[in-house]
Each structure stands twice: as structure tokens, then as C-alpha cells.
C-alpha atoms as a PDB file:
ATOM      1  CA  MET A   1     211.991-131.860 157.375  1.00  0.00           C
ATOM      2  CA  CYS A   2     214.701-130.773 155.184  1.00  0.00           C
ATOM      3  CA  LEU A   3     212.252-131.179 152.240  1.00  0.00           C
ATOM      4  CA  LEU A   4     210.491-128.580 153.746  1.00  0.00           C
ATOM      5  CA  ILE A   5     213.166-126.384 154.828  1.00  0.00           C
ATOM      6  CA  ALA A   6     214.492-126.458 150.850  1.00  0.00           C
ATOM      7  CA  GLY A   7     211.351-125.558 149.936  1.00  0.00           C
ATOM      8  CA  PHE A   8     210.845-122.765 152.037  1.00  0.00           C
ATOM      9  CA  LEU A   9     214.318-121.147 151.244  1.00  0.00           C
ATOM     10  CA  ASN A  10     213.113-121.644 147.694  1.00  0.00           C
ATOM     11  CA  GLY A  11     209.689-119.746 147.687  1.00  0.00           C
ATOM     12  CA  ALA A  12     211.594-116.412 149.409  1.00  0.00           C
ATOM     13  CA  SER A  13     213.718-116.245 147.345  1.00  0.00           C
ATOM     14  CA  THR A  14     211.538-115.518 144.606  1.00  0.00           C
ATOM     15  CA  ASP A  15     209.195-113.203 146.807  1.00  0.00           C
ATOM     16  CA  ALA A  16     212.230-111.161 146.136  1.00  0.00           C
ATOM     17  CA  GLN A  17     213.104-111.016 143.162  1.00  0.00           C
ATOM     18  CA  VAL A  18     209.471-109.928 142.420  1.00  0.00           C
ATOM     19  CA  SER A  19     209.514-107.126 145.277  1.00  0.00           C
ATOM     20  CA  SER A  20     212.393-106.190 143.597  1.00  0.00           C
ATOM     21  CA  GLU A  21     211.181-105.495 140.148  1.00  0.00           C
ATOM     22  CA  GLU A  22     208.107-103.236 141.642  1.00  0.00           C
ATOM     23  CA  SER A  23     210.803-101.803 144.079  1.00  0.00           C
ATOM     24  CA  PRO A  24     210.336 -97.634 143.117  1.00  0.00           C
ATOM     25  CA  GLN A  25     213.941 -97.707 142.669  1.00  0.00           C
ATOM     26  CA  ASN A  26     213.674-100.214 140.129  1.00  0.00           C
ATOM     27  CA  VAL A  27     210.380 -98.369 138.359  1.00  0.00           C
ATOM     28  CA  ALA A  28     212.927 -95.098 138.226  1.00  0.00           C
ATOM     29  CA  LYS A  29     215.659 -96.712 136.305  1.00  0.00           C
ATOM     30  CA  ALA A  30     213.104 -99.110 134.336  1.00  0.00           C
ATOM     31  CA  SER A  31     212.129 -94.797 133.015  1.00  0.00           C
ATOM     32  CA  PRO A  32     213.883 -95.734 129.396  1.00  0.00           C
ATOM     33  CA  SER A  33     210.925 -97.691 128.283  1.00  0.00           C
ATOM     34  CA  PRO A  34     208.570 -94.479 128.485  1.00  0.00           C
ATOM     35  CA  ALA A  35     212.112 -93.477 126.733  1.00  0.00           C
ATOM     36  CA  LYS A  36     211.814 -95.319 123.884  1.00  0.00           C
ATOM     37  CA  SER A  37     207.881 -94.729 124.043  1.00  0.00           C
ATOM     38  CA  PRO A  38     206.290 -92.293 121.162  1.00  0.00           C
ATOM     39  CA  THR A  39     206.056 -89.171 122.741  1.00  0.00           C
ATOM     40  CA  PRO A  40     209.365 -87.548 123.237  1.00  0.00           C
ATOM     41  CA  LYS A  41     208.782 -88.337 119.047  1.00  0.00           C
ATOM     42  CA  LYS A  42     205.733 -86.051 119.221  1.00  0.00           C
ATOM     43  CA  LYS A  43     207.569 -83.571 121.321  1.00  0.00           C
ATOM     44  CA  LYS A  44     210.119 -83.887 118.354  1.00  0.00           C
ATOM     45  CA  ALA A  45     207.680 -84.091 115.449  1.00  0.00           C
ATOM     46  CA  THR A  46     206.430 -80.957 117.025  1.00  0.00           C
ATOM     47  CA  THR A  47     209.820 -78.413 117.628  1.00  0.00           C
ATOM     48  CA  LYS A  48     210.445 -80.066 113.520  1.00  0.00           C
ATOM     49  CA  LYS A  49     206.900 -78.809 112.347  1.00  0.00           C
ATOM     50  CA  THR A  50     207.174 -75.263 114.270  1.00  0.00           C
ATOM     51  CA  PRO A  51     209.604 -73.768 112.033  1.00  0.00           C
ATOM     52  CA  THR A  52     207.236 -74.805 109.089  1.00  0.00           C
ATOM     53  CA  SER A  53     204.422 -72.938 111.147  1.00  0.00           C
ATOM     54  CA  ALA A  54     207.535 -70.530 111.131  1.00  0.00           C
ATOM     55  CA  LYS A  55     208.460 -69.901 107.588  1.00  0.00           C
ATOM     56  CA  LYS A  56     204.667 -69.857 106.698  1.00  0.00           C
ATOM     57  CA  LYS A  57     204.161 -66.808 108.801  1.00  0.00           C
ATOM     58  CA  LYS A  58     206.666 -65.541 106.703  1.00  0.00           C
ATOM     59  CA  LYS A  59     205.834 -65.959 103.327  1.00  0.00           C
ATOM     60  CA  VAL A  60     202.080 -64.731 104.538  1.00  0.00           C
ATOM     61  CA  PRO A  61     202.998 -61.443 105.239  1.00  0.00           C
ATOM     62  CA  SER A  62     205.240 -61.206 102.259  1.00  0.00           C
ATOM     63  CA  PRO A  63     203.299 -60.862  99.729  1.00  0.00           C
ATOM     64  CA  THR A  64     201.880 -57.864 102.034  1.00  0.00           C
ATOM     65  CA  PRO A  65     204.151 -55.643 101.667  1.00  0.00           C
ATOM     66  CA  LEU A  66     204.569 -55.933  98.235  1.00  0.00           C
ATOM     67  CA  PRO A  67     200.759 -54.385  97.815  1.00  0.00           C
ATOM     68  CA  SER A  68     202.388 -51.611  99.930  1.00  0.00           C
ATOM     69  CA  ALA A  69     205.417 -51.004  97.948  1.00  0.00           C
ATOM     70  CA  GLU A  70     203.227 -50.711  94.483  1.00  0.00           C
ATOM     71  CA  GLU A  71     200.445 -48.714  95.942  1.00  0.00           C
ATOM     72  CA  PRO A  72     202.449 -45.540  96.215  1.00  0.00           C
ATOM     73  CA  LEU A  73     203.123 -46.925  92.134  1.00  0.00           C
ATOM     74  CA  ALA A  74     199.709 -46.848  91.612  1.00  0.00           C
ATOM     75  CA  PRO A  75     199.699 -42.391  92.610  1.00  0.00           C
ATOM     76  CA  ARG A  76     202.310 -41.673  89.261  1.00  0.00           C
ATOM     77  CA  PRO A  77     200.453 -42.793  86.130  1.00  0.00           C
ATOM     78  CA  THR A  78     198.446 -39.895  86.742  1.00  0.00           C
ATOM     79  CA  PRO A  79     200.796 -38.145  83.809  1.00  0.00           C
ATOM     80  CA  THR A  80     198.313 -40.318  81.808  1.00  0.00           C
ATOM     81  CA  LEU A  81     195.638 -37.605  82.273  1.00  0.00           C
ATOM     82  CA  SER A  82     197.292 -34.990  80.751  1.00  0.00           C
ATOM     83  CA  PRO A  83     196.506 -35.928  77.456  1.00  0.00           C
ATOM     84  CA  THR A  84     192.532 -35.835  78.074  1.00  0.00           C
ATOM     85  CA  PRO A  85     192.734 -31.927  78.598  1.00  0.00           C
ATOM     86  CA  VAL A  86     195.323 -30.979  76.025  1.00  0.00           C
ATOM     87  CA  ALA A  87     192.586 -33.318  73.484  1.00  0.00           C
ATOM     88  CA  THR A  88     189.907 -31.349  74.328  1.00  0.00           C
ATOM     89  CA  ALA A  89     191.452 -27.491  73.926  1.00  0.00           C
ATOM     90  CA  GLN A  90     193.310 -28.342  70.418  1.00  0.00           C
ATOM     91  CA  PRO A  91     189.831 -28.158  69.034  1.00  0.00           C
ATOM     92  CA  THR A  92     188.406 -25.427  70.963  1.00  0.00           C
ATOM     93  CA  ILE A  93     191.490 -23.245  68.845  1.00  0.00           C
ATOM     94  CA  ALA A  94     190.419 -26.222  66.320  1.00  0.00           C
ATOM     95  CA  SER A  95     187.390 -26.789  66.303  1.00  0.00           C
ATOM     96  CA  GLY A  96     184.105 -24.944  67.092  1.00  0.00           C
ATOM     97  CA  THR A  97     182.535 -22.400  64.034  1.00  0.00           C
ATOM     98  CA  ILE A  98     185.221 -21.032  63.019  1.00  0.00           C
ATOM     99  CA  PRO A  99     185.431 -20.775  59.557  1.00  0.00           C
ATOM    100  CA  GLN A 100     188.949 -22.673  57.892  1.00  0.00           C
ATOM    101  CA  VAL A 101     191.561 -20.672  57.179  1.00  0.00           C
ATOM    102  CA  ASP A 102     194.843 -22.526  55.195  1.00  0.00           C
ATOM    103  CA  VAL A 103     197.520 -20.592  55.773  1.00  0.00           C
ATOM    104  CA  GLU A 104     200.101 -21.315  58.226  1.00  0.00           C
ATOM    105  CA  LYS A 105     201.548 -18.200  59.256  1.00  0.00           C
ATOM    106  CA  SER A 106     198.457 -15.930  60.303  1.00  0.00           C
ATOM    107  CA  GLY A 107     197.765 -12.123  60.899  1.00  0.00           C
ATOM    108  CA  PHE A 108     194.007 -13.183  62.427  1.00  0.00           C
ATOM    109  CA  VAL A 109     194.448 -13.481  66.184  1.00  0.00           C
ATOM    110  CA  GLY A 110     191.955 -16.795  67.980  1.00  0.00           C
ATOM    111  CA  ASP A 111     188.165 -16.264  68.608  1.00  0.00           C
ATOM    112  CA  GLN A 112     186.976 -13.056  69.233  1.00  0.00           C
ATOM    113  CA  GLY A 113     182.838 -13.111  67.754  1.00  0.00           C
ATOM    114  CA  TYR A 114     180.807 -12.807  64.791  1.00  0.00           C
ATOM    115  CA  GLU A 115     180.089  -9.183  63.336  1.00  0.00           C
ATOM    116  CA  PRO A 116     176.923  -8.406  62.518  1.00  0.00           C
ATOM    117  CA  PRO A 117     175.088  -7.064  59.360  1.00  0.00           C
ATOM    118  CA  PRO A 118     174.555  -3.676  59.382  1.00  0.00           C
ATOM    119  CA  PRO A 119     171.645  -2.113  60.095  1.00  0.00           C
ATOM    120  CA  THR A 120     169.744  -1.894  56.852  1.00  0.00           C
ATOM    121  CA  PRO A 121     167.348   1.250  56.691  1.00  0.00           C
ATOM    122  CA  THR A 122     164.159   1.766  56.596  1.00  0.00           C
ATOM    123  CA  PRO A 123     162.625   3.786  53.842  1.00  0.00           C
ATOM    124  CA  ARG A 124     160.726   6.199  55.081  1.00  0.00           C
ATOM    125  CA  ARG A 125     156.575   6.631  52.613  1.00  0.00           C
ATOM    126  CA  GLY A 126     156.338   9.886  51.523  1.00  0.00           C
ATOM    127  CA  TRP A 127     156.772  11.954  47.682  1.00  0.00           C
ATOM    128  CA  TRP A 128     159.078  14.683  49.786  1.00  0.00           C
ATOM    129  CA  PHE A 129     162.982  13.944  49.470  1.00  0.00           C
ATOM    130  CA  TRP A 130     162.785  12.990  53.195  1.00  0.00           C
ATOM    131  CA  SER A 131     161.321  10.309  52.667  1.00  0.00           C
ATOM    132  CA  ARG A 132     163.154   8.900  51.365  1.00  0.00           C
ATOM    133  CA  PRO A 133     165.533   6.055  52.169  1.00  0.00           C
ATOM    134  CA  GLU A 134     168.526   7.198  53.074  1.00  0.00           C
ATOM    135  CA  VAL A 135     171.181   5.248  51.390  1.00  0.00           C
ATOM    136  CA  ASN A 136     170.326   4.644  47.936  1.00  0.00           C
ATOM    137  CA  TYR A 137     171.886   1.272  46.121  1.00  0.00           C
ATOM    138  CA  HIS A 138     172.787   1.070  42.500  1.00  0.00           C
ATOM    139  CA  TYR A 139     175.022  -1.795  41.666  1.00  0.00           C
ATOM    140  CA  LEU A 140     174.784  -3.543  45.201  1.00  0.00           C
ATOM    141  CA  SER A 141     170.955  -5.108  45.652  1.00  0.00           C
ATOM    142  CA  ARG A 142     168.905  -6.443  48.315  1.00  0.00           C
ATOM    143  CA  SER A 143     169.640  -9.715  47.136  1.00  0.00           C
ATOM    144  CA  LEU A 144     173.535  -9.186  47.402  1.00  0.00           C
ATOM    145  CA  ARG A 145     173.224  -7.174  50.631  1.00  0.00           C
ATOM    146  CA  SER A 146     172.019 -10.404  52.196  1.00  0.00           C
ATOM    147  CA  GLU A 147     174.590 -12.620  50.104  1.00  0.00           C
ATOM    148  CA  ILE A 148     177.546 -10.688  51.525  1.00  0.00           C
ATOM    149  CA  ASP A 149     175.196 -10.239  55.347  1.00  0.00           C
ATOM    150  CA  ARG A 150     174.910 -13.856  55.337  1.00  0.00           C
ATOM    151  CA  ALA A 151     178.654 -15.083  55.989  1.00  0.00           C
ATOM    152  CA  PRO A 152     179.695 -15.320  59.715  1.00  0.00           C
ATOM    153  CA  VAL A 153     182.527 -11.650  59.415  1.00  0.00           C
ATOM    154  CA  MET A 154     184.066 -12.879  62.629  1.00  0.00           C
ATOM    155  CA  ARG A 155     185.947  -9.492  64.158  1.00  0.00           C
ATOM    156  CA  ARG A 156     189.558  -7.839  63.551  1.00  0.00           C
ATOM    157  CA  ARG A 157     189.728 -10.509  60.196  1.00  0.00           C
ATOM    158  CA  TRP A 158     189.198  -8.018  57.723  1.00  0.00           C
ATOM    159  CA  GLN A 159     191.694  -5.328  57.827  1.00  0.00           C
ATOM    160  CA  PHE A 160     192.741  -4.751  54.790  1.00  0.00           C
ATOM    161  CA  ILE A 161     190.408  -4.329  51.404  1.00  0.00           C
ATOM    162  CA  VAL A 162     193.013  -4.566  47.643  1.00  0.00           C
ATOM    163  CA  VAL A 163     192.045  -3.748  44.813  1.00  0.00           C
ATOM    164  CA  HIS A 164     193.162  -5.244  41.337  1.00  0.00           C
ATOM    165  CA  ASN A 165     193.033  -5.515  37.348  1.00  0.00           C
ATOM    166  CA  SER A 166     192.725  -8.710  35.911  1.00  0.00           C
ATOM    167  CA  GLY A 167     195.351  -7.771  33.233  1.00  0.00           C
ATOM    168  CA  THR A 168     192.383  -9.016  30.719  1.00  0.00           C
ATOM    169  CA  ARG A 169     189.939  -7.137  28.551  1.00  0.00           C
ATOM    170  CA  GLN A 170     187.519  -9.359  29.233  1.00  0.00           C
ATOM    171  CA  GLY A 171     186.261 -12.007  31.529  1.00  0.00           C
ATOM    172  CA  SER A 172     183.928 -12.887  34.692  1.00  0.00           C
ATOM    173  CA  ALA A 173     184.628 -14.720  38.492  1.00  0.00           C
ATOM    174  CA  ARG A 174     183.648 -17.560  36.697  1.00  0.00           C
ATOM    175  CA  ILE A 175     185.966 -17.963  33.871  1.00  0.00           C
ATOM    176  CA  PHE A 176     188.075 -16.285  36.570  1.00  0.00           C
ATOM    177  CA  ASP A 177     187.236 -19.437  38.870  1.00  0.00           C
ATOM    178  CA  TYR A 178     188.201 -21.608  36.045  1.00  0.00           C
ATOM    179  CA  TYR A 179     192.047 -19.977  35.344  1.00  0.00           C
ATOM    180  CA  HIS A 180     192.468 -20.576  38.856  1.00  0.00           C
ATOM    181  CA  ARG A 181     191.550 -24.185  39.442  1.00  0.00           C
ATOM    182  CA  HIS A 182     192.345 -25.497  36.724  1.00  0.00           C
ATOM    183  CA  VAL A 183     195.741 -23.517  35.400  1.00  0.00           C
ATOM    184  CA  ARG A 184     196.707 -22.609  37.962  1.00  0.00           C
ATOM    185  CA  ARG A 185     196.023 -25.494  40.079  1.00  0.00           C
ATOM    186  CA  MET A 186     194.666 -23.283  43.148  1.00  0.00           C
ATOM    187  CA  ARG A 187     192.689 -25.315  46.084  1.00  0.00           C
ATOM    188  CA  ASN A 188     190.072 -23.351  46.505  1.00  0.00           C
ATOM    189  CA  GLY A 189     189.758 -22.021  42.944  1.00  0.00           C
ATOM    190  CA  LEU A 190     188.893 -17.794  42.235  1.00  0.00           C
ATOM    191  CA  ALA A 191     191.641 -15.727  44.877  1.00  0.00           C
ATOM    192  CA  TYR A 192     189.553 -12.988  44.426  1.00  0.00           C
ATOM    193  CA  HIS A 193     186.405 -12.700  47.772  1.00  0.00           C
ATOM    194  CA  PHE A 194     184.463 -10.371  45.276  1.00  0.00           C
ATOM    195  CA  VAL A 195     184.829  -9.380  40.837  1.00  0.00           C
ATOM    196  CA  ILE A 196     183.165  -6.663  38.938  1.00  0.00           C
ATOM    197  CA  GLY A 197     182.818  -6.222  35.568  1.00  0.00           C
ATOM    198  CA  ASN A 198     183.300  -4.203  32.378  1.00  0.00           C
ATOM    199  CA  GLY A 199     180.229  -5.235  30.449  1.00  0.00           C
ATOM    200  CA  THR A 200     182.517  -8.040  28.630  1.00  0.00           C
ATOM    201  CA  SER A 201     181.903 -10.894  29.928  1.00  0.00           C
ATOM    202  CA  THR A 202     179.150 -10.054  32.797  1.00  0.00           C
ATOM    203  CA  GLY A 203     177.749  -6.207  33.166  1.00  0.00           C
ATOM    204  CA  ASN A 204     179.298  -3.074  33.478  1.00  0.00           C
ATOM    205  CA  GLY A 205     179.784  -2.115  37.400  1.00  0.00           C
ATOM    206  CA  GLN A 206     178.009  -5.941  37.953  1.00  0.00           C
ATOM    207  CA  ILE A 207     179.168  -7.133  41.401  1.00  0.00           C
ATOM    208  CA  GLU A 208     179.584 -10.979  41.852  1.00  0.00           C
ATOM    209  CA  VAL A 209     180.726 -12.417  45.171  1.00  0.00           C
ATOM    210  CA  GLY A 210     183.424 -15.269  44.837  1.00  0.00           C
ATOM    211  CA  ASP A 211     183.321 -18.457  47.239  1.00  0.00           C
ATOM    212  CA  ARG A 212     186.017 -16.761  48.912  1.00  0.00           C
ATOM    213  CA  TRP A 213     183.853 -14.834  50.614  1.00  0.00           C
ATOM    214  CA  ARG A 214     180.780 -17.085  51.323  1.00  0.00           C
ATOM    215  CA  ARG A 215     183.455 -19.306  53.138  1.00  0.00           C
ATOM    216  CA  GLN A 216     185.233 -16.590  54.978  1.00  0.00           C
ATOM    217  CA  ILE A 217     188.756 -17.988  53.964  1.00  0.00           C
ATOM    218  CA  ASN A 218     192.190 -16.678  52.686  1.00  0.00           C
ATOM    219  CA  GLY A 219     192.658 -15.117  49.933  1.00  0.00           C
ATOM    220  CA  GLY A 220     194.673 -15.555  47.151  1.00  0.00           C
ATOM    221  CA  HIS A 221     195.251 -12.518  45.381  1.00  0.00           C
ATOM    222  CA  VAL A 222     198.722 -11.181  47.312  1.00  0.00           C
ATOM    223  CA  HIS A 223     202.071 -13.145  47.559  1.00  0.00           C
ATOM    224  CA  SER A 224     201.734 -12.998  50.984  1.00  0.00           C
ATOM    225  CA  ASP A 225     199.882 -15.549  52.995  1.00  0.00           C
ATOM    226  CA  TYR A 226     200.018 -13.069  56.100  1.00  0.00           C
ATOM    227  CA  LEU A 227     198.472 -10.525  53.978  1.00  0.00           C
ATOM    228  CA  ASN A 228     195.897 -12.866  52.398  1.00  0.00           C
ATOM    229  CA  ASN A 229     194.666 -14.201  55.960  1.00  0.00           C
ATOM    230  CA  ILE A 230     193.693 -10.107  56.344  1.00  0.00           C
ATOM    231  CA  ALA A 231     193.047  -9.171  52.999  1.00  0.00           C
ATOM    232  CA  LEU A 232     189.892  -9.231  51.121  1.00  0.00           C
ATOM    233  CA  GLY A 233     190.438  -9.098  47.381  1.00  0.00           C
ATOM    234  CA  ILE A 234     188.450  -7.059  45.218  1.00  0.00           C
ATOM    235  CA  CYS A 235     188.787  -7.642  41.009  1.00  0.00           C
ATOM    236  CA  LEU A 236     188.093  -4.724  38.633  1.00  0.00           C
ATOM    237  CA  VAL A 237     188.121  -6.778  34.965  1.00  0.00           C
ATOM    238  CA  GLY A 238     190.338  -5.084  32.339  1.00  0.00           C
ATOM    239  CA  ASP A 239     193.916  -4.498  31.800  1.00  0.00           C
ATOM    240  CA  PHE A 240     194.969  -1.212  33.380  1.00  0.00           C
ATOM    241  CA  ASN A 241     197.999  -0.259  31.812  1.00  0.00           C
ATOM    242  CA  ARG A 242     196.097   0.500  28.014  1.00  0.00           C
ATOM    243  CA  ASP A 243     192.787   1.199  29.383  1.00  0.00           C
ATOM    244  CA  GLN A 244     191.238   2.790  32.123  1.00  0.00           C
ATOM    245  CA  PRO A 245     188.612   1.227  34.571  1.00  0.00           C
ATOM    246  CA  THR A 246     185.003   2.094  33.687  1.00  0.00           C
ATOM    247  CA  ARG A 247     182.758   4.924  36.208  1.00  0.00           C
ATOM    248  CA  ARG A 248     180.359   2.268  36.693  1.00  0.00           C
ATOM    249  CA  GLN A 249     183.745  -0.069  37.639  1.00  0.00           C
ATOM    250  CA  LEU A 250     184.647   2.398  40.345  1.00  0.00           C
ATOM    251  CA  GLU A 251     181.525   3.860  41.733  1.00  0.00           C
ATOM    252  CA  ALA A 252     180.038   0.033  42.274  1.00  0.00           C
ATOM    253  CA  CYS A 253     183.799  -0.176  43.151  1.00  0.00           C
ATOM    254  CA  GLU A 254     183.533   2.061  45.944  1.00  0.00           C
ATOM    255  CA  GLU A 255     180.191   1.697  46.823  1.00  0.00           C
ATOM    256  CA  LEU A 256     181.473  -1.976  47.607  1.00  0.00           C
ATOM    257  CA  ILE A 257     183.985  -0.894  50.057  1.00  0.00           C
ATOM    258  CA  ASN A 258     182.200   1.225  51.811  1.00  0.00           C
ATOM    259  CA  TYR A 259     179.700  -0.650  52.767  1.00  0.00           C
ATOM    260  CA  LEU A 260     181.918  -4.239  53.489  1.00  0.00           C
ATOM    261  CA  ARG A 261     183.776  -1.911  55.597  1.00  0.00           C
ATOM    262  CA  LYS A 262     180.361  -0.866  57.486  1.00  0.00           C
ATOM    263  CA  ARG A 263     179.994  -5.195  57.257  1.00  0.00           C
ATOM    264  CA  CYS A 264     183.828  -6.066  59.048  1.00  0.00           C
ATOM    265  CA  GLY A 265     183.593  -3.513  61.205  1.00  0.00           C
ATOM    266  CA  LYS A 266     186.431  -1.162  63.271  1.00  0.00           C
ATOM    267  CA  ILE A 267     189.326  -2.218  64.032  1.00  0.00           C
ATOM    268  CA  GLU A 268     191.249   0.258  66.717  1.00  0.00           C
ATOM    269  CA  ALA A 269     188.727   3.577  66.305  1.00  0.00           C
ATOM    270  CA  HIS A 270     189.396   2.697  62.210  1.00  0.00           C
ATOM    271  CA  TYR A 271     187.816   0.720  59.563  1.00  0.00           C
ATOM    272  CA  ALA A 272     189.685  -2.141  56.699  1.00  0.00           C
ATOM    273  CA  ILE A 273     192.309   0.500  55.072  1.00  0.00           C
ATOM    274  CA  VAL A 274     191.899   0.233  51.335  1.00  0.00           C
ATOM    275  CA  ARG A 275     194.996  -0.156  48.752  1.00  0.00           C
ATOM    276  CA  PRO A 276     195.716  -0.387  45.242  1.00  0.00           C
ATOM    277  CA  HIS A 277     198.247  -4.429  45.438  1.00  0.00           C
ATOM    278  CA  ARG A 278     201.077  -2.487  44.558  1.00  0.00           C
ATOM    279  CA  GLU A 279     201.265  -1.129  47.705  1.00  0.00           C
ATOM    280  CA  VAL A 280     200.802  -4.364  49.648  1.00  0.00           C
ATOM    281  CA  ASN A 281     202.407  -6.793  47.380  1.00  0.00           C
ATOM    282  CA  PRO A 282     206.709  -7.996  48.476  1.00  0.00           C
ATOM    283  CA  PRO A 283     209.329  -6.001  46.933  1.00  0.00           C
ATOM    284  CA  GLN A 284     210.441  -9.277  45.780  1.00  0.00           C
ATOM    285  CA  TRP A 285     207.803 -10.213  43.658  1.00  0.00           C
ATOM    286  CA  ALA A 286     206.355  -6.303  43.160  1.00  0.00           C
ATOM    287  CA  THR A 287     203.675  -5.540  40.500  1.00  0.00           C
ATOM    288  CA  ASP A 288     202.108  -3.209  38.013  1.00  0.00           C
ATOM    289  CA  CYS A 289     198.614  -4.268  39.518  1.00  0.00           C
ATOM    290  CA  PRO A 290     196.355  -2.041  39.186  1.00  0.00           C
ATOM    291  CA  GLY A 291     198.111  -0.459  35.830  1.00  0.00           C
ATOM    292  CA  ASN A 292     199.766   2.144  35.582  1.00  0.00           C
ATOM    293  CA  ALA A 293     196.492   4.145  33.936  1.00  0.00           C
ATOM    294  CA  PHE A 294     194.420   3.295  36.832  1.00  0.00           C
ATOM    295  CA  PRO A 295     193.303   7.111  38.521  1.00  0.00           C
ATOM    296  CA  TYR A 296     195.145   5.622  41.898  1.00  0.00           C
ATOM    297  CA  SER A 297     193.591   9.705  43.020  1.00  0.00           C
ATOM    298  CA  TRP A 298     190.894   7.478  43.978  1.00  0.00           C
ATOM    299  CA  PHE A 299     191.915   5.885  47.011  1.00  0.00           C
ATOM    300  CA  ARG A 300     192.059   8.742  49.136  1.00  0.00           C
ATOM    301  CA  ARG A 301     187.851   8.799  49.800  1.00  0.00           C
ATOM    302  CA  PHE A 302     189.068   5.626  52.075  1.00  0.00           C
ATOM    303  CA  GLN A 303     191.546   7.631  53.887  1.00  0.00           C
ATOM    304  CA  GLU A 304     189.108   7.880  56.812  1.00  0.00           C
END
């Protein structure tokens, strides 16, 4: 019996220990075991990862304001478009069909269109005097007039016609062109637009058309770039300090001047002004051209 009672007492103590471990109080105390579990570490890991994600979110929008700041700068290079209209505007002044002018200071103003050639008089058929053409040309042949008319003359370009003498007793446009080009070193050669012979190298009263008229470029016959650009030059072969021009030379020159004035058109209700060289040269370059023996009263017929 004693042994049975002692065994019963030992079994009750072991059951108490088991129940104490499963009691709710002991379970609450056993909660540190889940605290050691990885679950709270996952929470800490999530909290640590959140700033990284926040940093990534800050880096992602950071490039977005940069293009927004650069976008207003994009229209600023618009001034680069300004050279394009300037480049197009320059050729209009210098480029197109405007004849080339080699002087820097010019008396000619811009593109004002071209002057049409004067109408050719139609000859009337018949034997009576009223059936003859209204204008008879003795020195300006039909081929010479057509050569003058083919040049592209611009309106208001030629405002003066200046008469010269060559200072030599003989010569021609070809001889003077060689002298001006190779001795005087003039790039465009013959300084005059027209040459009228005296019967030595060419015919008496023969009119020769220079290359400056064909190309419609400035002359080289006076010491003024301004006047060279707006004045036609006519040279009569001869030294008129010793001799006078021939009658045929004066007649041919008068016929040529009258035709050129109509060909070039009117400037402010009057035709081109006709002057001797000595009256248009600057004072520092005084000259006696076309000579002391030239009949200057001859210029009165061009006063209109």
C-alpha cells in the first residue's frame, strides 16, 4: 500500500508539469519564441527596403524636370534661322540679271527695270518725199543699231554722256583696248563705250561699239568712280589741241548721242546730259580733254 500511494503521488506531479506548459499564461510567456522567428525580421526588411524604393522614386522623377528645363531653351536657337533670309536677300541685291558693277561707290540706285529699245521707223513705200522714213541714219547702220539695242540697258542708269579725244592722231577701238588692258592694266580693257574714227586706222566717222556697252558695265574714262558708273564715254580719235575733229566725226557723234539718249530713256523728264570731259573731271584731276581746238559751241544742241 505504501508503494501504491508513493507511485500515485509521483504521477500527479508529472501531470501538473504538463498542464503548466499548456496553460494560457505560460503560452503568453512563450511568445518570445515567435519574436525570434523571422517574421519580425521580414517587417524590418520591408522597412529598410521602403527608403530604397523611395530613393528610386526620387531618382525617376529627377530626369523629368531636366527636359522641362531644357524645353524652353529649345526655341532660343531660333536666331539661327535669321541667316537664311539674309542669304536670300543678298543675291536679290547682288544676284539675278542685274549687270555687274565693279565700283564700290555708285551713283546708280538699285534695280529699276530695263529700258526697251526705241521703235525702228518703218519706211514708207513710194517715190514721194513723204514716203521716205522719218529718220535717216548715215552713220548708224542697221547692224550697228541692233548691236546697241541688244544691250540690256537699265532705266535711269546712264545719266551723262561724256565726249573725249584720244590725244593721238590715229587709233581705233582695238588699239586703245590693247593699250588700256596691257599698258594701263585696266581689267576691262577699252575705257570708253564707243570710239569714232577719223579716217586713219578706221573710217572717217566710223562708229565702233566697245565691250563696256555690250556688257553694260561702268566706264574708265573719267577720274571719278561715281561718274564712271553713270556716264557713257565716247572717244573721237585725234589730238584736238593741234587739230579739230572732222565734220564726219561730229556728225557721227551727234547721230550716236541722239540715238543713245532715246535708247537710255529719260531721267526726271530729261534725257542724258552731254558734257565734254574737261567739265566733269574733278578739280584735282584737271584736263584739257577734248582739247583746246574742239568746237565747244557744238554742245549747245544737246541742251534740251
